[in-house]
Amino acid sequence: MSEDVYILFDWWHATSSAGYACSLAAVYAACVAHELLLARRRSLRAAGTSSATCGSRMLAACDAAEEILVVALGFAIMLVLMTFNGGIFCVVTLGVVSGRRIARRAAAGRGASPRVHSSAHESARRFLASGSETLSERDESEHDLCHSV
C-alpha cells in the first residue's frame, strides 16, 4: 500500500502519509455517498415516485441531475479502483459496505423493507418452492391470478 499514488487526476497526488490518509477518507466518503444515492433512487422508484408523475420541469431537471451525479460518481469510483492500490481497494470496499448498511438501517427506520430486492428474493423462493411447475406454467398461473382480480 504505497503512499505515493496518483488518484483520478494529476493534481490529486498523495505523497505523504497525511495526504494518503486524507485521500482514503475522501474515497470512502464518495463510496458511502454513492451507495446512499443509489438506495434513495431505488426507494423512490419502488414507491412509484418520480418527477415524470409530478409533471414539473424543475423536478424532472433535478431528477436528471441526480441521475448524472450517481453515474458520474460510480464511474469515478471505478477509475479510482484502477489505480490498483491495495489501500484504495480496501477503502472502496469498506465504503460500499458501509453505505449499504447505512441505507438499509435508514430504510428499516422508515418502516420500509431493509432488503433492497426483497420482491425478487420472494419470487425466486416461490418459484423454487413450486417444485414440479415449469416456468411457463407458473407465469400462466400468475397471469390468470392477476387478471381475475
N, C-alpha and C. Protein backbone atom coordinates (compact mmCIF):
# COMPACT_ATOMS: atom_id res chain seq x y z
N MET A 1 0.84 -1.17 0.00
CA MET A 1 0.00 0.00 0.00
C MET A 1 0.89 1.24 0.00
N SER A 2 1.14 1.72 -1.16
CA SER A 2 2.04 2.84 -1.34
C SER A 2 1.37 4.15 -0.98
N GLU A 3 2.16 5.05 -0.42
CA GLU A 3 1.65 6.38 -0.09
C GLU A 3 1.86 7.35 -1.24
N ASP A 4 2.67 7.00 -2.22
CA ASP A 4 2.93 7.86 -3.37
C ASP A 4 2.07 7.38 -4.52
N VAL A 5 0.88 7.96 -4.63
CA VAL A 5 -0.08 7.47 -5.63
C VAL A 5 -0.85 8.64 -6.23
N TYR A 6 -1.09 8.55 -7.54
CA TYR A 6 -1.98 9.49 -8.22
C TYR A 6 -3.38 8.90 -8.17
N ILE A 7 -4.34 9.73 -7.78
CA ILE A 7 -5.71 9.26 -7.65
C ILE A 7 -6.61 10.07 -8.57
N LEU A 8 -7.04 9.48 -9.63
CA LEU A 8 -8.02 10.02 -10.57
C LEU A 8 -7.52 11.18 -11.43
N PHE A 9 -6.80 12.13 -10.86
CA PHE A 9 -6.32 13.28 -11.60
C PHE A 9 -4.84 13.51 -11.29
N ASP A 10 -4.16 14.23 -12.17
CA ASP A 10 -2.75 14.55 -11.93
C ASP A 10 -2.56 15.41 -10.68
N TRP A 11 -3.52 16.29 -10.42
CA TRP A 11 -3.39 17.17 -9.25
C TRP A 11 -3.71 16.45 -7.94
N TRP A 12 -4.32 15.27 -8.01
CA TRP A 12 -4.64 14.50 -6.81
C TRP A 12 -3.53 13.47 -6.61
N HIS A 13 -2.44 13.93 -6.06
CA HIS A 13 -1.24 13.11 -5.89
C HIS A 13 -0.90 13.07 -4.41
N ALA A 14 -1.10 11.90 -3.80
CA ALA A 14 -0.78 11.74 -2.38
C ALA A 14 0.69 11.37 -2.26
N THR A 15 1.47 12.24 -1.61
CA THR A 15 2.91 12.00 -1.48
C THR A 15 3.34 11.77 -0.04
N SER A 16 2.44 12.02 0.90
CA SER A 16 2.78 11.84 2.31
C SER A 16 1.74 10.96 2.98
N SER A 17 2.04 10.53 4.18
CA SER A 17 1.08 9.70 4.93
C SER A 17 -0.21 10.46 5.20
N ALA A 18 -0.10 11.74 5.55
CA ALA A 18 -1.29 12.55 5.82
C ALA A 18 -2.10 12.75 4.54
N GLY A 19 -1.44 13.02 3.44
CA GLY A 19 -2.14 13.17 2.16
C GLY A 19 -2.82 11.89 1.73
N TYR A 20 -2.16 10.77 1.95
CA TYR A 20 -2.72 9.47 1.61
C TYR A 20 -3.94 9.18 2.48
N ALA A 21 -3.85 9.47 3.77
CA ALA A 21 -4.98 9.24 4.68
C ALA A 21 -6.17 10.12 4.31
N CYS A 22 -5.91 11.38 3.96
CA CYS A 22 -6.99 12.27 3.53
C CYS A 22 -7.62 11.79 2.23
N SER A 23 -6.79 11.30 1.34
CA SER A 23 -7.30 10.76 0.07
C SER A 23 -8.17 9.55 0.31
N LEU A 24 -7.74 8.67 1.20
CA LEU A 24 -8.54 7.50 1.52
C LEU A 24 -9.87 7.89 2.16
N ALA A 25 -9.84 8.91 3.01
CA ALA A 25 -11.07 9.40 3.63
C ALA A 25 -12.03 9.96 2.58
N ALA A 26 -11.49 10.69 1.60
CA ALA A 26 -12.32 11.25 0.53
C ALA A 26 -12.93 10.14 -0.33
N VAL A 27 -12.15 9.12 -0.64
CA VAL A 27 -12.65 7.99 -1.43
C VAL A 27 -13.74 7.25 -0.65
N TYR A 28 -13.51 7.05 0.64
CA TYR A 28 -14.51 6.39 1.50
C TYR A 28 -15.81 7.19 1.48
N ALA A 29 -15.73 8.49 1.67
CA ALA A 29 -16.92 9.34 1.69
C ALA A 29 -17.65 9.29 0.35
N ALA A 30 -16.92 9.27 -0.75
CA ALA A 30 -17.54 9.19 -2.08
C ALA A 30 -18.28 7.87 -2.25
N CYS A 31 -17.70 6.79 -1.76
CA CYS A 31 -18.36 5.47 -1.87
C CYS A 31 -19.63 5.41 -1.04
N VAL A 32 -19.57 5.93 0.17
CA VAL A 32 -20.76 5.95 1.03
C VAL A 32 -21.85 6.81 0.38
N ALA A 33 -21.47 7.99 -0.11
CA ALA A 33 -22.44 8.88 -0.76
C ALA A 33 -23.06 8.21 -1.98
N HIS A 34 -22.25 7.52 -2.77
CA HIS A 34 -22.76 6.84 -3.95
C HIS A 34 -23.79 5.78 -3.58
N GLU A 35 -23.51 4.99 -2.57
CA GLU A 35 -24.45 3.95 -2.14
C GLU A 35 -25.73 4.55 -1.58
N LEU A 36 -25.62 5.65 -0.84
CA LEU A 36 -26.82 6.30 -0.30
C LEU A 36 -27.68 6.88 -1.42
N LEU A 37 -27.04 7.47 -2.42
CA LEU A 37 -27.79 8.00 -3.56
C LEU A 37 -28.47 6.87 -4.34
N LEU A 38 -27.77 5.77 -4.52
CA LEU A 38 -28.37 4.62 -5.20
C LEU A 38 -29.57 4.09 -4.43
N ALA A 39 -29.44 3.98 -3.13
CA ALA A 39 -30.54 3.50 -2.30
C ALA A 39 -31.73 4.45 -2.36
N ARG A 40 -31.45 5.73 -2.36
CA ARG A 40 -32.52 6.73 -2.45
C ARG A 40 -33.27 6.60 -3.77
N ARG A 41 -32.53 6.45 -4.85
CA ARG A 41 -33.16 6.32 -6.17
C ARG A 41 -33.99 5.03 -6.24
N ARG A 42 -33.44 3.94 -5.68
CA ARG A 42 -34.19 2.67 -5.68
C ARG A 42 -35.48 2.80 -4.89
N SER A 43 -35.42 3.44 -3.73
CA SER A 43 -36.63 3.55 -2.91
C SER A 43 -37.66 4.45 -3.57
N LEU A 44 -37.23 5.51 -4.24
CA LEU A 44 -38.17 6.37 -4.96
C LEU A 44 -38.83 5.62 -6.11
N ARG A 45 -38.04 4.84 -6.82
CA ARG A 45 -38.61 4.06 -7.92
C ARG A 45 -39.55 2.98 -7.41
N ALA A 46 -39.20 2.33 -6.31
CA ALA A 46 -40.05 1.29 -5.74
C ALA A 46 -41.37 1.88 -5.25
N ALA A 47 -41.33 3.11 -4.77
CA ALA A 47 -42.54 3.76 -4.28
C ALA A 47 -43.36 4.36 -5.41
N GLY A 48 -42.81 4.33 -6.62
CA GLY A 48 -43.52 4.89 -7.77
C GLY A 48 -43.44 6.39 -7.85
N THR A 49 -42.55 6.98 -7.11
CA THR A 49 -42.38 8.42 -7.11
C THR A 49 -41.32 8.80 -8.13
N SER A 50 -41.68 9.68 -9.01
CA SER A 50 -40.70 10.19 -9.97
C SER A 50 -41.15 11.56 -10.42
N SER A 51 -40.24 12.29 -11.00
CA SER A 51 -40.57 13.63 -11.47
C SER A 51 -41.52 13.58 -12.65
N ALA A 52 -41.51 12.48 -13.39
CA ALA A 52 -42.40 12.36 -14.54
C ALA A 52 -43.86 12.32 -14.10
N THR A 53 -44.14 11.72 -12.94
CA THR A 53 -45.51 11.66 -12.46
C THR A 53 -45.95 13.00 -11.90
N CYS A 54 -45.02 13.80 -11.43
CA CYS A 54 -45.37 15.11 -10.87
C CYS A 54 -45.62 16.13 -11.96
N GLY A 55 -44.98 15.98 -13.10
CA GLY A 55 -45.20 16.89 -14.20
C GLY A 55 -44.43 18.19 -14.12
N SER A 56 -43.61 18.38 -13.15
CA SER A 56 -42.87 19.61 -13.00
C SER A 56 -41.54 19.52 -13.74
N ARG A 57 -41.24 20.54 -14.53
CA ARG A 57 -39.95 20.55 -15.25
C ARG A 57 -38.78 20.70 -14.30
N MET A 58 -38.97 21.42 -13.23
CA MET A 58 -37.90 21.60 -12.25
C MET A 58 -37.58 20.27 -11.57
N LEU A 59 -38.62 19.52 -11.20
CA LEU A 59 -38.39 18.21 -10.59
C LEU A 59 -37.74 17.25 -11.58
N ALA A 60 -38.12 17.34 -12.84
CA ALA A 60 -37.51 16.49 -13.86
C ALA A 60 -36.04 16.84 -14.03
N ALA A 61 -35.72 18.12 -13.98
CA ALA A 61 -34.33 18.54 -14.11
C ALA A 61 -33.50 18.07 -12.91
N CYS A 62 -34.08 18.16 -11.71
CA CYS A 62 -33.39 17.68 -10.52
C CYS A 62 -33.19 16.17 -10.57
N ASP A 63 -34.19 15.47 -11.06
CA ASP A 63 -34.10 14.01 -11.20
C ASP A 63 -32.98 13.65 -12.18
N ALA A 64 -32.91 14.35 -13.29
CA ALA A 64 -31.86 14.09 -14.28
C ALA A 64 -30.48 14.43 -13.72
N ALA A 65 -30.39 15.53 -13.00
CA ALA A 65 -29.10 15.92 -12.41
C ALA A 65 -28.65 14.89 -11.38
N GLU A 66 -29.59 14.37 -10.60
CA GLU A 66 -29.24 13.35 -9.62
C GLU A 66 -28.76 12.08 -10.32
N GLU A 67 -29.41 11.71 -11.39
CA GLU A 67 -29.00 10.52 -12.14
C GLU A 67 -27.60 10.71 -12.72
N ILE A 68 -27.32 11.89 -13.24
CA ILE A 68 -25.98 12.18 -13.78
C ILE A 68 -24.95 12.09 -12.66
N LEU A 69 -25.27 12.62 -11.49
CA LEU A 69 -24.36 12.56 -10.35
C LEU A 69 -24.07 11.12 -9.94
N VAL A 70 -25.10 10.29 -9.88
CA VAL A 70 -24.94 8.89 -9.49
C VAL A 70 -24.04 8.16 -10.48
N VAL A 71 -24.29 8.35 -11.76
CA VAL A 71 -23.49 7.69 -12.79
C VAL A 71 -22.05 8.19 -12.78
N ALA A 72 -21.87 9.50 -12.70
CA ALA A 72 -20.51 10.07 -12.70
C ALA A 72 -19.73 9.62 -11.47
N LEU A 73 -20.37 9.59 -10.33
CA LEU A 73 -19.70 9.15 -9.11
C LEU A 73 -19.33 7.67 -9.20
N GLY A 74 -20.21 6.87 -9.76
CA GLY A 74 -19.90 5.46 -9.95
C GLY A 74 -18.72 5.24 -10.88
N PHE A 75 -18.67 5.98 -11.98
CA PHE A 75 -17.54 5.87 -12.90
C PHE A 75 -16.25 6.36 -12.26
N ALA A 76 -16.34 7.43 -11.47
CA ALA A 76 -15.14 7.95 -10.80
C ALA A 76 -14.60 6.92 -9.81
N ILE A 77 -15.48 6.25 -9.09
CA ILE A 77 -15.04 5.21 -8.15
C ILE A 77 -14.37 4.07 -8.91
N MET A 78 -14.95 3.71 -10.03
CA MET A 78 -14.33 2.66 -10.85
C MET A 78 -12.93 3.07 -11.30
N LEU A 79 -12.78 4.31 -11.73
CA LEU A 79 -11.46 4.78 -12.16
C LEU A 79 -10.47 4.85 -11.00
N VAL A 80 -10.95 5.23 -9.83
CA VAL A 80 -10.08 5.25 -8.65
C VAL A 80 -9.58 3.84 -8.35
N LEU A 81 -10.45 2.85 -8.49
CA LEU A 81 -10.04 1.46 -8.27
C LEU A 81 -8.96 1.03 -9.26
N MET A 82 -8.95 1.64 -10.42
CA MET A 82 -7.98 1.25 -11.44
C MET A 82 -6.57 1.76 -11.16
N THR A 83 -6.38 2.41 -10.01
CA THR A 83 -5.02 2.75 -9.60
C THR A 83 -4.30 1.49 -9.10
N PHE A 84 -5.06 0.43 -8.84
CA PHE A 84 -4.54 -0.84 -8.37
C PHE A 84 -3.74 -0.69 -7.07
N ASN A 85 -4.24 0.19 -6.22
CA ASN A 85 -3.62 0.40 -4.92
C ASN A 85 -4.42 -0.38 -3.89
N GLY A 86 -3.74 -1.19 -3.09
CA GLY A 86 -4.41 -2.04 -2.12
C GLY A 86 -5.20 -1.27 -1.08
N GLY A 87 -4.66 -0.16 -0.60
CA GLY A 87 -5.37 0.65 0.38
C GLY A 87 -6.64 1.23 -0.18
N ILE A 88 -6.57 1.70 -1.41
CA ILE A 88 -7.76 2.27 -2.05
C ILE A 88 -8.81 1.18 -2.26
N PHE A 89 -8.37 0.01 -2.68
CA PHE A 89 -9.31 -1.10 -2.86
C PHE A 89 -10.03 -1.41 -1.55
N CYS A 90 -9.29 -1.50 -0.46
CA CYS A 90 -9.89 -1.80 0.84
C CYS A 90 -10.87 -0.72 1.27
N VAL A 91 -10.51 0.55 1.05
CA VAL A 91 -11.37 1.66 1.45
C VAL A 91 -12.63 1.71 0.59
N VAL A 92 -12.52 1.43 -0.71
CA VAL A 92 -13.71 1.40 -1.57
C VAL A 92 -14.64 0.29 -1.11
N THR A 93 -14.10 -0.88 -0.84
CA THR A 93 -14.93 -1.99 -0.37
C THR A 93 -15.62 -1.62 0.94
N LEU A 94 -14.87 -1.07 1.87
CA LEU A 94 -15.43 -0.66 3.16
C LEU A 94 -16.49 0.43 2.97
N GLY A 95 -16.25 1.37 2.09
CA GLY A 95 -17.21 2.45 1.84
C GLY A 95 -18.50 1.95 1.23
N VAL A 96 -18.40 1.02 0.30
CA VAL A 96 -19.60 0.46 -0.32
C VAL A 96 -20.42 -0.32 0.71
N VAL A 97 -19.74 -1.16 1.47
CA VAL A 97 -20.44 -1.95 2.50
C VAL A 97 -21.07 -1.02 3.55
N SER A 98 -20.33 -0.02 3.99
CA SER A 98 -20.86 0.92 4.98
C SER A 98 -22.07 1.67 4.44
N GLY A 99 -21.98 2.15 3.21
CA GLY A 99 -23.10 2.86 2.59
C GLY A 99 -24.34 2.01 2.49
N ARG A 100 -24.17 0.75 2.11
CA ARG A 100 -25.32 -0.15 2.02
C ARG A 100 -25.93 -0.42 3.39
N ARG A 101 -25.09 -0.60 4.40
CA ARG A 101 -25.60 -0.85 5.75
C ARG A 101 -26.35 0.38 6.28
N ILE A 102 -25.81 1.55 6.04
CA ILE A 102 -26.49 2.78 6.46
C ILE A 102 -27.84 2.92 5.76
N ALA A 103 -27.86 2.65 4.47
CA ALA A 103 -29.10 2.75 3.70
C ALA A 103 -30.14 1.74 4.17
N ARG A 104 -29.71 0.53 4.48
CA ARG A 104 -30.64 -0.48 4.97
C ARG A 104 -31.21 -0.11 6.33
N ARG A 105 -30.35 0.42 7.20
CA ARG A 105 -30.84 0.85 8.52
C ARG A 105 -31.81 2.01 8.38
N ALA A 106 -31.52 2.93 7.47
CA ALA A 106 -32.42 4.06 7.25
C ALA A 106 -33.76 3.58 6.70
N ALA A 107 -33.72 2.62 5.79
CA ALA A 107 -34.95 2.08 5.22
C ALA A 107 -35.75 1.34 6.29
N ALA A 108 -35.08 0.60 7.14
CA ALA A 108 -35.77 -0.11 8.22
C ALA A 108 -36.37 0.88 9.21
N GLY A 109 -35.70 1.99 9.44
CA GLY A 109 -36.22 3.02 10.35
C GLY A 109 -37.45 3.71 9.81
N ARG A 110 -37.58 3.77 8.48
CA ARG A 110 -38.76 4.38 7.85
C ARG A 110 -39.90 3.38 7.71
N GLY A 111 -39.66 2.14 8.14
CA GLY A 111 -40.69 1.13 8.02
C GLY A 111 -40.63 0.39 6.71
N ALA A 112 -39.67 0.72 5.86
CA ALA A 112 -39.52 0.02 4.59
C ALA A 112 -38.75 -1.26 4.82
N SER A 113 -38.82 -2.11 3.86
CA SER A 113 -38.08 -3.37 3.96
C SER A 113 -36.59 -3.09 3.93
N PRO A 114 -35.81 -3.68 4.84
CA PRO A 114 -34.38 -3.43 4.83
C PRO A 114 -33.68 -4.08 3.65
N ARG A 115 -34.31 -5.00 2.98
CA ARG A 115 -33.72 -5.63 1.81
C ARG A 115 -34.12 -4.85 0.58
N VAL A 116 -33.14 -4.57 -0.25
CA VAL A 116 -33.40 -3.76 -1.43
C VAL A 116 -34.23 -4.54 -2.46
N HIS A 117 -33.91 -5.79 -2.65
CA HIS A 117 -34.57 -6.59 -3.68
C HIS A 117 -35.41 -7.70 -3.06
N SER A 118 -36.17 -7.40 -2.02
CA SER A 118 -36.92 -8.43 -1.32
C SER A 118 -37.96 -9.08 -2.22
N SER A 119 -38.58 -8.32 -3.13
CA SER A 119 -39.59 -8.91 -4.01
C SER A 119 -38.96 -9.92 -4.96
N ALA A 120 -37.76 -9.66 -5.42
CA ALA A 120 -37.07 -10.61 -6.29
C ALA A 120 -36.71 -11.87 -5.52
N HIS A 121 -36.27 -11.70 -4.27
CA HIS A 121 -35.96 -12.86 -3.44
C HIS A 121 -37.23 -13.69 -3.18
N GLU A 122 -38.33 -13.01 -2.92
CA GLU A 122 -39.59 -13.71 -2.66
C GLU A 122 -40.05 -14.46 -3.90
N SER A 123 -39.95 -13.84 -5.06
CA SER A 123 -40.34 -14.52 -6.30
C SER A 123 -39.48 -15.74 -6.56
N ALA A 124 -38.18 -15.62 -6.34
CA ALA A 124 -37.29 -16.76 -6.54
C ALA A 124 -37.61 -17.87 -5.55
N ARG A 125 -37.91 -17.51 -4.30
CA ARG A 125 -38.24 -18.51 -3.29
C ARG A 125 -39.53 -19.24 -3.66
N ARG A 126 -40.53 -18.50 -4.11
CA ARG A 126 -41.79 -19.14 -4.50
C ARG A 126 -41.60 -20.04 -5.71
N PHE A 127 -40.78 -19.60 -6.65
CA PHE A 127 -40.54 -20.41 -7.84
C PHE A 127 -39.82 -21.70 -7.47
N LEU A 128 -38.80 -21.61 -6.64
CA LEU A 128 -38.07 -22.81 -6.24
C LEU A 128 -38.93 -23.74 -5.40
N ALA A 129 -39.85 -23.18 -4.63
CA ALA A 129 -40.73 -23.98 -3.79
C ALA A 129 -41.84 -24.65 -4.60
N SER A 130 -42.08 -24.15 -5.80
CA SER A 130 -43.17 -24.69 -6.61
C SER A 130 -42.90 -26.10 -7.08
N GLY A 131 -41.67 -26.54 -7.06
CA GLY A 131 -41.32 -27.93 -7.36
C GLY A 131 -41.52 -28.30 -8.80
N SER A 132 -42.64 -28.95 -9.11
CA SER A 132 -42.81 -29.54 -10.43
C SER A 132 -43.30 -28.56 -11.48
N GLU A 133 -43.76 -27.41 -11.07
CA GLU A 133 -44.23 -26.44 -12.05
C GLU A 133 -43.09 -25.95 -12.92
N THR A 134 -43.37 -25.80 -14.18
CA THR A 134 -42.37 -25.21 -15.07
C THR A 134 -42.53 -23.70 -15.04
N LEU A 135 -41.58 -23.02 -15.59
CA LEU A 135 -41.62 -21.56 -15.60
C LEU A 135 -42.84 -21.06 -16.36
N SER A 136 -43.16 -21.65 -17.50
CA SER A 136 -44.30 -21.18 -18.28
C SER A 136 -45.62 -21.44 -17.55
N GLU A 137 -45.73 -22.59 -16.84
CA GLU A 137 -46.94 -22.86 -16.07
C GLU A 137 -47.09 -21.85 -14.94
N ARG A 138 -45.99 -21.51 -14.31
CA ARG A 138 -46.01 -20.54 -13.22
C ARG A 138 -46.43 -19.17 -13.74
N ASP A 139 -45.87 -18.76 -14.90
CA ASP A 139 -46.23 -17.47 -15.49
C ASP A 139 -47.70 -17.43 -15.86
N GLU A 140 -48.23 -18.53 -16.41
CA GLU A 140 -49.63 -18.57 -16.78
C GLU A 140 -50.53 -18.47 -15.55
N SER A 141 -50.16 -19.17 -14.47
CA SER A 141 -51.00 -19.12 -13.27
C SER A 141 -50.96 -17.73 -12.64
N GLU A 142 -49.81 -17.06 -12.64
CA GLU A 142 -49.73 -15.70 -12.11
C GLU A 142 -50.48 -14.74 -13.01
N HIS A 143 -50.42 -14.95 -14.34
CA HIS A 143 -51.14 -14.09 -15.27
C HIS A 143 -52.64 -14.20 -15.03
N ASP A 144 -53.14 -15.45 -14.87
CA ASP A 144 -54.56 -15.66 -14.61
C ASP A 144 -54.96 -15.04 -13.27
N LEU A 145 -54.13 -15.17 -12.28
CA LEU A 145 -54.42 -14.62 -10.96
C LEU A 145 -54.51 -13.10 -11.03
N CYS A 146 -53.59 -12.46 -11.76
CA CYS A 146 -53.58 -11.00 -11.86
C CYS A 146 -54.81 -10.48 -12.60
N HIS A 147 -55.24 -11.20 -13.61
CA HIS A 147 -56.37 -10.71 -14.41
C HIS A 147 -57.73 -11.10 -13.84
N SER A 148 -57.74 -11.97 -12.84
CA SER A 148 -59.00 -12.35 -12.23
C SER A 148 -59.41 -11.39 -11.13
N VAL A 149 -58.50 -10.54 -10.70
CA VAL A 149 -58.77 -9.62 -9.59
C VAL A 149 -59.53 -8.41 -10.06
